[in-house]
């Protein structure tokens, strides 16, 4: 039985942690999801379930898995994929021809059909000589969905709007299932992320400067204030001229008034104006929030705490995967990928062991120390993280994200002068590059984009 008090406590918890809105007319949906979660977790009552999800991240993940909807299929909403081929990609190909690099984000990717559809479309449309570099980030709050997405194995029902020639070209039949080709599967990086949290954009995390964001049928589950905040953060996460595609059932177009509106057959597209600042004053996470809790592997991602015992919503390090690499990975890079993969699964001891082995085998490999810093920061070991960030930039003075990671740690340690000094140094370093030069290959961020972010971060430190 869901009493009025329990209903209020669950709805408040879900709204504050995940932005999910359960008004009275959706009370039955909430009860159904709570009952399934209680059964799965072995909770004898909804009161016990509440205590479990308040205290244990695994229980919270299970509740989210029961409450979020993953109904999707390949090339869902054909009009939007037609617009992608005929309007969005031709525009991006023309404007990004000098760098031949595109960054996409499937925000609310469910079981993976959407980001894989994007990967297939780009593989079909982008010129191949010389090849383009493409990074596709796919995120969802539901860990169960993400595990299924990484398998890239689907039933016929997922292909109900997929042309047969595309399915036969990009998938391999396995009895009654179809498995995506490995070369396409590897172009997408999956990570758990909560859109309702004020932790993005963030260049050193890879959540920044996207050329295209698909965020379909997600905003409808948020209340009006959360939706407004998420739309602002999506806007700030786009590069100038970047495109946003939302579902047809998304909220009032007034929320997208900052964007240019482009009408296409059967759909409406939104584009961030080309001549606009990279970031607004709302573009960086607020590290002064009382009770902020660290999230997994992502330095300086914060989530507003309900109580001292509230677990963070676990996420993974967001690292892009190119659709076509110009060179084969080195042995050190292969070991780094193994360590990242362990962290992505939340296997922290394994990730730590892998990164320690990597540093022992390649003691001068700067990215290993950067990953060590992120792991340490996840565990709240700020001094250890700071030492590892310092080591990373000592070994590679051009590692911009290492300096930014240092600055964020200084902010958390309440050392504003050190943060200012570090930010000034990285800003001066960025000034040695041309505006359009990509200075962080992992995220595809240009010097101008990172200078704008660092300048804004410096202002936030000065305003404290």
Protein backbone atom coordinates (compact mmCIF):
# COMPACT_ATOMS: atom_id res chain seq x y z
CA UNK A 1 0.00 0.00 0.00
CA UNK A 2 1.38 3.40 -0.99
CA UNK A 3 0.30 5.82 1.70
CA UNK A 4 0.16 9.57 1.12
CA UNK A 5 3.36 10.00 3.11
CA UNK A 6 5.24 7.33 1.16
CA UNK A 7 3.93 8.71 -2.12
CA UNK A 8 5.30 12.15 -1.23
CA UNK A 9 8.66 10.74 -0.15
CA UNK A 10 9.10 8.60 -3.26
CA UNK A 11 8.03 11.36 -5.65
CA UNK A 12 10.31 13.89 -3.93
CA UNK A 13 13.23 11.47 -4.08
CA UNK A 14 12.69 10.68 -7.76
CA UNK A 15 12.26 14.33 -8.70
CA UNK A 16 15.34 15.53 -6.83
CA UNK A 17 17.66 12.71 -7.82
CA UNK A 18 16.52 11.90 -11.34
CA UNK A 19 14.14 14.68 -12.39
CA UNK A 20 11.37 12.11 -12.84
CA UNK A 21 7.90 13.53 -12.27
CA UNK A 22 5.02 11.41 -10.96
CA UNK A 23 1.89 13.57 -10.61
CA UNK A 24 -1.28 12.07 -9.20
CA UNK A 25 -2.47 10.91 -12.64
CA UNK A 26 0.65 8.71 -12.89
CA UNK A 27 0.35 7.32 -9.38
CA UNK A 28 -0.63 3.86 -10.66
CA UNK A 29 2.48 3.76 -12.88
CA UNK A 30 4.62 4.58 -9.86
CA UNK A 31 2.97 1.90 -7.71
CA UNK A 32 3.51 -0.72 -10.42
CA UNK A 33 7.20 0.17 -10.73
CA UNK A 34 7.70 0.24 -6.96
CA UNK A 35 6.11 -3.17 -6.55
CA UNK A 36 8.33 -4.69 -9.23
CA UNK A 37 11.43 -3.14 -7.67
CA UNK A 38 10.43 -4.40 -4.21
CA UNK A 39 9.94 -7.91 -5.58
CA UNK A 40 13.29 -7.83 -7.38
CA UNK A 41 15.17 -6.55 -4.32
CA UNK A 42 13.39 -8.76 -1.82
CA UNK A 43 11.90 -5.81 0.08
CA UNK A 44 9.01 -6.90 2.30
CA UNK A 45 7.30 -3.48 2.16
CA UNK A 46 7.49 -0.18 0.32
CA UNK A 47 8.85 1.39 3.51
CA UNK A 48 11.76 -1.04 3.39
CA UNK A 49 12.20 -0.35 -0.34
CA UNK A 50 12.48 3.38 0.38
CA UNK A 51 15.22 2.78 2.95
CA UNK A 52 17.10 0.57 0.51
CA UNK A 53 17.06 3.03 -2.38
CA UNK A 54 18.07 5.87 -0.06
CA UNK A 55 21.14 3.98 1.14
CA UNK A 56 22.33 1.63 -1.61
CA UNK A 57 23.28 2.62 -5.18
CA UNK A 58 22.45 -0.88 -6.47
CA UNK A 59 18.91 -0.58 -5.08
CA UNK A 60 18.53 2.87 -6.63
CA UNK A 61 19.66 1.47 -9.99
CA UNK A 62 17.09 -1.31 -9.70
CA UNK A 63 14.30 1.17 -8.99
CA UNK A 64 15.31 3.31 -11.96
CA UNK A 65 15.38 0.19 -14.13
CA UNK A 66 11.76 -0.54 -13.24
CA UNK A 67 10.51 3.04 -13.67
CA UNK A 68 12.14 4.12 -16.93
CA UNK A 69 10.77 3.12 -20.31
CA UNK A 70 13.00 1.73 -23.04
CA UNK A 71 10.55 1.35 -25.92
CA UNK A 72 12.58 2.08 -29.04
CA UNK A 73 13.71 0.58 -32.34
CA UNK A 74 16.16 1.25 -35.13
CA UNK A 75 15.61 4.39 -37.21
CA UNK A 76 12.61 5.34 -35.11
CA UNK A 77 10.82 8.32 -36.65
CA UNK A 78 11.93 8.01 -40.26
CA UNK A 79 11.29 11.73 -40.90
CA UNK A 80 14.01 12.69 -38.43
CA UNK A 81 16.57 10.35 -39.97
CA UNK A 82 15.66 11.70 -43.40
CA UNK A 83 16.29 15.20 -42.04
CA UNK A 84 19.58 13.95 -40.59
CA UNK A 85 20.69 12.75 -44.01
CA UNK A 86 19.34 15.64 -46.09
CA UNK A 87 19.66 18.70 -43.81
CA UNK A 88 21.80 18.19 -40.72
CA UNK A 89 24.71 16.17 -42.08
CA UNK A 90 25.20 18.23 -45.26
CA UNK A 91 25.37 21.35 -43.07
CA UNK A 92 27.86 19.76 -40.66
CA UNK A 93 29.99 18.28 -43.44
CA UNK A 94 30.33 21.72 -45.01
CA UNK A 95 31.11 23.57 -41.79
CA UNK A 96 33.39 20.94 -40.26
CA UNK A 97 35.27 20.05 -43.46
CA UNK A 98 38.48 21.66 -42.20
CA UNK A 99 38.75 19.35 -39.18
CA UNK A 100 36.77 16.34 -40.49
CA UNK A 101 35.61 15.57 -36.96
CA UNK A 102 32.06 15.18 -35.62
CA UNK A 103 30.81 14.62 -32.08
CA UNK A 104 27.32 13.25 -31.40
CA UNK A 105 25.39 12.53 -28.21
CA UNK A 106 22.43 10.21 -27.83
CA UNK A 107 21.04 11.49 -24.52
CA UNK A 108 18.59 8.90 -23.20
CA UNK A 109 19.79 6.09 -25.47
CA UNK A 110 17.76 3.26 -23.82
CA UNK A 111 18.88 -0.09 -25.26
CA UNK A 112 21.08 1.39 -27.97
CA UNK A 113 19.01 1.36 -31.12
CA UNK A 114 19.19 5.16 -31.48
CA UNK A 115 22.99 5.66 -31.23
CA UNK A 116 23.63 2.64 -33.41
CA UNK A 117 21.20 4.07 -35.98
CA UNK A 118 23.24 7.28 -35.89
CA UNK A 119 26.47 5.34 -36.36
CA UNK A 120 25.07 3.48 -39.36
CA UNK A 121 23.74 6.68 -40.91
CA UNK A 122 27.09 8.46 -40.54
CA UNK A 123 28.89 5.44 -41.97
CA UNK A 124 26.57 5.65 -44.97
CA UNK A 125 26.73 9.40 -45.52
CA UNK A 126 30.17 10.70 -44.53
CA UNK A 127 32.87 10.81 -47.19
CA UNK A 128 35.41 8.03 -46.73
CA UNK A 129 38.48 9.50 -48.46
CA UNK A 130 40.03 10.94 -46.44
CA UNK A 131 38.08 9.45 -43.52
CA UNK A 132 36.20 11.48 -40.93
CA UNK A 133 36.70 10.99 -37.21
CA UNK A 134 33.40 10.48 -35.39
CA UNK A 135 32.70 10.23 -31.67
CA UNK A 136 29.26 9.04 -30.52
CA UNK A 137 28.45 9.20 -26.83
CA UNK A 138 25.33 7.32 -25.69
CA UNK A 139 24.05 7.84 -22.16
CA UNK A 140 21.11 6.72 -20.07
CA UNK A 141 20.23 6.68 -16.39
CA UNK A 142 19.14 3.04 -16.62
CA UNK A 143 22.13 0.72 -16.12
CA UNK A 144 20.13 -2.32 -17.24
CA UNK A 145 19.43 -0.68 -20.60
CA UNK A 146 23.11 0.18 -21.02
CA UNK A 147 24.18 -3.41 -20.44
CA UNK A 148 21.79 -4.57 -23.14
CA UNK A 149 22.96 -1.81 -25.48
CA UNK A 150 26.60 -2.88 -25.17
CA UNK A 151 25.63 -6.40 -26.27
CA UNK A 152 24.33 -4.95 -29.60
CA UNK A 153 22.08 -7.98 -30.06
CA UNK A 154 18.47 -7.40 -31.08
CA UNK A 155 15.29 -9.26 -31.98
CA UNK A 156 13.31 -8.70 -35.17
CA UNK A 157 10.99 -6.32 -33.29
CA UNK A 158 13.78 -3.73 -33.14
CA UNK A 159 13.89 -3.61 -36.95
CA UNK A 160 10.26 -2.79 -37.63
CA UNK A 161 11.20 0.45 -39.43
CA UNK A 162 14.59 -0.66 -40.74
CA UNK A 163 15.06 -1.22 -44.48
CA UNK A 164 16.05 -4.82 -45.12
CA UNK A 165 19.20 -3.84 -46.99
CA UNK A 166 20.53 -1.90 -43.97
CA UNK A 167 19.78 -4.75 -41.56
CA UNK A 168 21.45 -7.28 -43.87
CA UNK A 169 24.47 -5.04 -44.41
CA UNK A 170 25.19 -4.05 -40.81
CA UNK A 171 23.92 -7.01 -38.77
CA UNK A 172 24.78 -10.69 -38.58
CA UNK A 173 21.96 -13.19 -38.06
CA UNK A 174 22.22 -15.30 -34.88
CA UNK A 175 19.24 -17.69 -34.81
CA UNK A 176 16.25 -15.44 -34.00
CA UNK A 177 18.48 -12.43 -33.19
CA UNK A 178 20.65 -10.01 -35.12
CA UNK A 179 24.03 -8.77 -33.85
CA UNK A 180 25.55 -5.47 -34.98
CA UNK A 181 28.87 -5.59 -36.82
CA UNK A 182 31.78 -5.01 -34.45
CA UNK A 183 33.24 -2.14 -36.48
CA UNK A 184 30.00 -0.17 -36.08
CA UNK A 185 29.45 -1.22 -32.45
CA UNK A 186 32.87 0.10 -31.46
CA UNK A 187 32.02 3.61 -32.67
CA UNK A 188 29.63 4.17 -29.75
CA UNK A 189 30.68 4.75 -26.14
CA UNK A 190 28.00 4.00 -23.53
CA UNK A 191 27.95 5.60 -20.09
CA UNK A 192 25.46 6.07 -17.28
CA UNK A 193 24.49 9.70 -16.89
CA UNK A 194 21.62 11.58 -15.28
CA UNK A 195 20.40 14.47 -17.41
CA UNK A 196 18.73 16.08 -14.41
CA UNK A 197 22.03 16.67 -12.61
CA UNK A 198 23.77 20.06 -13.05
CA UNK A 199 27.10 18.53 -14.05
CA UNK A 200 27.45 19.37 -17.74
CA UNK A 201 28.72 20.63 -20.08
CA UNK A 202 32.24 19.80 -18.94
CA UNK A 203 35.11 19.69 -21.45
CA UNK A 204 37.39 17.47 -19.39
CA UNK A 205 34.63 14.86 -19.20
CA UNK A 206 33.83 14.83 -22.91
CA UNK A 207 30.35 16.29 -22.37
CA UNK A 208 30.87 19.37 -24.50
CA UNK A 209 31.03 20.76 -28.03
CA UNK A 210 28.66 18.29 -29.66
CA UNK A 211 27.71 18.86 -33.29
CA UNK A 212 24.47 16.94 -32.84
CA UNK A 213 22.40 15.84 -29.85
CA UNK A 214 19.48 13.43 -30.08
CA UNK A 215 17.35 13.73 -26.93
CA UNK A 216 14.04 12.16 -27.84
CA UNK A 217 11.16 11.18 -25.56
CA UNK A 218 13.10 12.01 -22.41
CA UNK A 219 12.01 15.52 -21.43
CA UNK A 220 8.37 14.45 -21.20
CA UNK A 221 9.17 12.70 -17.90
CA UNK A 222 10.54 15.85 -16.21
CA UNK A 223 8.65 18.65 -14.52
CA UNK A 224 8.71 22.10 -16.15
CA UNK A 225 11.61 23.51 -14.13
CA UNK A 226 13.81 20.46 -14.66
CA UNK A 227 12.99 20.49 -18.36
CA UNK A 228 13.97 24.14 -18.65
CA UNK A 229 17.30 23.45 -16.94
CA UNK A 230 18.03 20.39 -19.06
CA UNK A 231 17.27 22.25 -22.30
CA UNK A 232 19.67 25.01 -21.22
CA UNK A 233 22.41 22.46 -20.50
CA UNK A 234 21.83 20.75 -23.84
CA UNK A 235 22.11 24.14 -25.53
CA UNK A 236 25.40 24.81 -23.75
CA UNK A 237 26.68 21.34 -24.66
CA UNK A 238 26.35 22.09 -28.38
CA UNK A 239 29.03 23.74 -30.41
CA UNK A 240 27.86 26.93 -32.19
CA UNK A 241 25.88 25.71 -35.18
CA UNK A 242 25.18 22.37 -33.49
CA UNK A 243 21.81 20.66 -33.90
CA UNK A 244 19.30 19.33 -31.37
CA UNK A 245 16.69 16.71 -32.27
CA UNK A 246 13.89 16.05 -29.78
CA UNK A 247 10.82 13.83 -29.87
CA UNK A 248 7.54 14.96 -31.34
CA UNK A 249 5.88 14.67 -27.94
CA UNK A 250 8.42 16.92 -26.19
CA UNK A 251 7.28 20.07 -24.33
CA UNK A 252 6.27 23.45 -25.71
CA UNK A 253 8.58 24.93 -28.35
CA UNK A 254 8.85 28.05 -26.17
CA UNK A 255 11.47 26.14 -24.17
CA UNK A 256 13.67 26.06 -27.29
CA UNK A 257 13.46 29.76 -28.09
CA UNK A 258 17.27 30.16 -27.86
CA UNK A 259 17.59 27.87 -30.87
CA UNK A 260 16.95 28.55 -34.51
CA UNK A 261 13.89 26.58 -35.58
CA UNK A 262 14.13 24.66 -38.87
CA UNK A 263 11.02 23.04 -40.23
CA UNK A 264 11.56 19.83 -42.17
CA UNK A 265 9.03 17.41 -43.66
CA UNK A 266 7.42 15.61 -40.73
CA UNK A 267 9.62 17.10 -38.02
CA UNK A 268 11.05 20.23 -36.40
CA UNK A 269 14.79 20.70 -35.86
CA UNK A 270 16.62 23.08 -33.54
CA UNK A 271 20.03 24.59 -34.17
CA UNK A 272 22.23 26.65 -31.89
CA UNK A 273 23.04 29.89 -33.76
CA UNK A 274 26.44 29.79 -35.44
CA UNK A 275 27.50 33.18 -34.08
CA UNK A 276 26.95 32.62 -30.38
CA UNK A 277 29.23 32.16 -27.34
CA UNK A 278 30.50 28.66 -26.65
CA UNK A 279 29.18 28.73 -23.09
CA UNK A 280 26.72 30.72 -21.02
CA UNK A 281 26.97 31.47 -17.32
CA UNK A 282 24.96 28.30 -16.63
CA UNK A 283 27.45 26.08 -18.41
CA UNK A 284 29.57 24.82 -15.52
CA UNK A 285 28.67 22.68 -12.51
CA UNK A 286 28.31 24.42 -9.18
CA UNK A 287 30.93 23.05 -6.79
CA UNK A 288 29.65 25.12 -3.89
CA UNK A 289 26.44 23.10 -3.49
CA UNK A 290 26.23 21.92 0.15
CA UNK A 291 26.28 18.15 0.47
CA UNK A 292 27.53 17.57 -3.07
CA UNK A 293 28.63 14.00 -3.65
CA UNK A 294 31.28 12.78 -6.08
CA UNK A 295 30.15 10.60 -8.95
CA UNK A 296 31.98 7.74 -10.56
CA UNK A 297 35.21 8.48 -12.36
CA UNK A 298 34.08 11.85 -13.66
CA UNK A 299 36.04 14.59 -11.92
CA UNK A 300 33.94 17.40 -10.58
CA UNK A 301 30.59 15.88 -11.50
CA UNK A 302 28.33 16.65 -8.57
CA UNK A 303 24.85 15.65 -7.54
CA UNK A 304 22.69 17.40 -4.98
CA UNK A 305 22.49 15.31 -1.84
CA UNK A 306 19.18 14.58 -0.12
CA UNK A 307 20.92 13.39 3.03
CA UNK A 308 24.43 12.38 4.13
CA UNK A 309 23.60 8.76 3.36
CA UNK A 310 22.39 9.35 -0.19
CA UNK A 311 24.44 7.35 -2.73
CA UNK A 312 25.49 9.03 -5.96
CA UNK A 313 24.01 7.88 -9.22
CA UNK A 314 26.94 5.95 -10.64
CA UNK A 315 28.31 6.96 -14.01
CA UNK A 316 31.31 6.11 -16.11
CA UNK A 317 34.18 8.00 -17.64
CA UNK A 318 33.01 9.39 -20.94
CA UNK A 319 35.58 8.61 -23.63
CA UNK A 320 34.79 8.92 -27.34
CA UNK A 321 35.34 6.13 -29.84
CA UNK A 322 36.37 7.11 -33.38
CA UNK A 323 34.53 5.58 -36.28
CA UNK A 324 37.78 5.22 -38.19
CA UNK A 325 41.14 5.55 -36.48
CA UNK A 326 44.04 6.86 -38.51
CA UNK A 327 46.57 4.73 -36.60
CA UNK A 328 46.42 1.47 -34.68
CA UNK A 329 46.38 1.78 -30.90
CA UNK A 330 49.69 1.35 -29.09
CA UNK A 331 50.09 -1.35 -26.41
CA UNK A 332 49.79 1.35 -23.74
CA UNK A 333 46.56 2.62 -25.28
CA UNK A 334 45.18 -0.92 -25.38
CA UNK A 335 45.94 -1.38 -21.68
CA UNK A 336 44.36 2.01 -20.95
CA UNK A 337 41.21 0.86 -22.77
CA UNK A 338 41.07 -2.26 -20.56
CA UNK A 339 41.31 -0.10 -17.45
CA UNK A 340 38.59 2.23 -18.75
CA UNK A 341 36.37 -0.75 -19.50
CA UNK A 342 36.72 -2.04 -15.95
CA UNK A 343 35.83 1.38 -14.59
CA UNK A 344 32.86 1.53 -16.93
CA UNK A 345 31.52 -1.63 -15.29
CA UNK A 346 32.02 -0.11 -11.85
CA UNK A 347 34.75 -2.67 -11.12
CA UNK A 348 36.87 -0.18 -9.18
CA UNK A 349 39.41 -2.62 -7.73
CA UNK A 350 40.01 -4.13 -11.15
CA UNK A 351 40.31 -0.68 -12.74
CA UNK A 352 42.80 0.39 -10.08
CA UNK A 353 44.83 -2.80 -10.55
CA UNK A 354 44.85 -2.31 -14.31
CA UNK A 355 45.97 1.29 -14.13
CA UNK A 356 48.71 0.40 -11.63
CA UNK A 357 49.95 -2.32 -13.98
CA UNK A 358 49.82 0.17 -16.83
CA UNK A 359 51.89 2.72 -14.92
CA UNK A 360 54.41 0.04 -13.98
CA UNK A 361 54.81 -1.07 -17.60
CA UNK A 362 54.71 2.47 -19.03
CA UNK A 363 55.77 4.85 -16.24
CA UNK A 364 55.90 7.85 -18.59
CA UNK A 365 52.42 7.39 -20.10
CA UNK A 366 50.53 10.50 -19.02
CA UNK A 367 46.93 9.26 -19.67
CA UNK A 368 47.47 6.48 -17.11
CA UNK A 369 48.03 9.06 -14.37
CA UNK A 370 45.01 11.03 -15.54
CA UNK A 371 42.85 7.92 -15.15
CA UNK A 372 44.40 7.25 -11.75
CA UNK A 373 43.44 10.79 -10.73
CA UNK A 374 39.85 10.22 -11.78
CA UNK A 375 39.60 6.96 -9.84
CA UNK A 376 41.05 8.64 -6.75
CA UNK A 377 38.65 11.54 -7.10
CA UNK A 378 35.73 9.15 -7.32
CA UNK A 379 36.73 7.75 -3.94
CA UNK A 380 37.08 11.25 -2.47
CA UNK A 381 40.88 10.96 -2.25
CA UNK A 382 41.46 14.53 -3.40
CA UNK A 383 45.11 14.82 -2.44
CA UNK A 384 45.93 11.59 -4.27
CA UNK A 385 43.93 12.80 -7.26
CA UNK A 386 45.75 16.11 -7.26
CA UNK A 387 49.15 14.38 -7.21
CA UNK A 388 48.13 12.17 -10.15
CA UNK A 389 46.80 15.14 -12.16
CA UNK A 390 50.09 16.94 -11.52
CA UNK A 391 52.02 13.90 -12.71
CA UNK A 392 49.93 13.71 -15.89
CA UNK A 393 50.68 17.30 -16.90
CA UNK A 394 54.33 16.96 -15.88
CA UNK A 395 54.68 14.05 -18.29
CA UNK A 396 52.56 15.73 -20.97
CA UNK A 397 52.51 19.54 -20.57
CA UNK A 398 49.94 19.75 -23.39
CA UNK A 399 47.33 17.66 -21.50
CA UNK A 400 44.76 20.42 -21.11
CA UNK A 401 42.24 18.21 -19.29
CA UNK A 402 44.85 17.42 -16.66
CA UNK A 403 45.18 21.10 -15.77
CA UNK A 404 41.40 21.49 -15.68
CA UNK A 405 41.13 18.44 -13.43
CA UNK A 406 43.70 20.01 -11.10
CA UNK A 407 41.70 23.24 -10.97
CA UNK A 408 38.51 21.40 -10.07
CA UNK A 409 40.28 19.57 -7.23
CA UNK A 410 41.68 22.87 -5.94
CA UNK A 411 38.13 24.26 -5.92
CA UNK A 412 36.91 21.30 -3.88
CA UNK A 413 39.84 21.73 -1.48
CA UNK A 414 38.84 25.39 -1.03
CA UNK A 415 42.12 26.65 -2.49
CA UNK A 416 40.92 29.44 -4.82
CA UNK A 417 44.38 30.94 -5.38
CA UNK A 418 45.77 27.64 -6.58
CA UNK A 419 42.70 27.17 -8.79
CA UNK A 420 43.16 30.64 -10.28
CA UNK A 421 46.85 30.04 -10.90
CA UNK A 422 46.17 26.72 -12.64
CA UNK A 423 43.38 28.19 -14.75
CA UNK A 424 45.56 31.14 -15.78
CA UNK A 425 48.31 28.74 -16.82
CA UNK A 426 45.98 26.60 -18.92
CA UNK A 427 44.40 29.72 -20.45
CA UNK A 428 47.86 30.98 -21.47
CA UNK A 429 48.66 27.57 -22.91
CA UNK A 430 45.44 27.60 -24.94
CA UNK A 431 46.28 31.03 -26.32
CA UNK A 432 49.20 29.47 -28.19
CA UNK A 433 46.74 27.59 -30.41
CA UNK A 434 44.54 28.92 -33.19
CA UNK A 435 40.82 29.10 -32.39
CA UNK A 436 39.81 26.15 -34.58
CA UNK A 437 42.71 23.89 -33.62
CA UNK A 438 41.65 20.70 -31.81
CA UNK A 439 43.73 20.55 -28.65
CA UNK A 440 42.03 17.65 -26.90
CA UNK A 441 41.77 14.70 -29.26
CA UNK A 442 39.67 12.67 -26.81
CA UNK A 443 36.78 15.15 -26.88
CA UNK A 444 37.45 16.99 -30.14
CA UNK A 445 37.38 20.29 -28.25
CA UNK A 446 39.00 23.26 -29.98
CA UNK A 447 41.22 25.86 -28.36
CA UNK A 448 38.47 28.49 -28.57
CA UNK A 449 35.95 26.19 -26.88
CA UNK A 450 38.26 25.35 -24.01
CA UNK A 451 39.40 28.96 -23.58
CA UNK A 452 35.76 29.99 -23.23
CA UNK A 453 35.17 27.28 -20.64
CA UNK A 454 38.30 28.14 -18.66
CA UNK A 455 37.42 31.86 -18.71
CA UNK A 456 33.97 31.08 -17.35
CA UNK A 457 35.42 28.82 -14.67
CA UNK A 458 37.85 31.57 -13.64
CA UNK A 459 34.94 33.97 -13.28
CA UNK A 460 33.10 31.50 -11.07
CA UNK A 461 36.14 31.16 -8.82
CA UNK A 462 36.50 34.96 -8.61
CA UNK A 463 32.81 35.38 -7.76
CA UNK A 464 33.06 33.14 -4.69
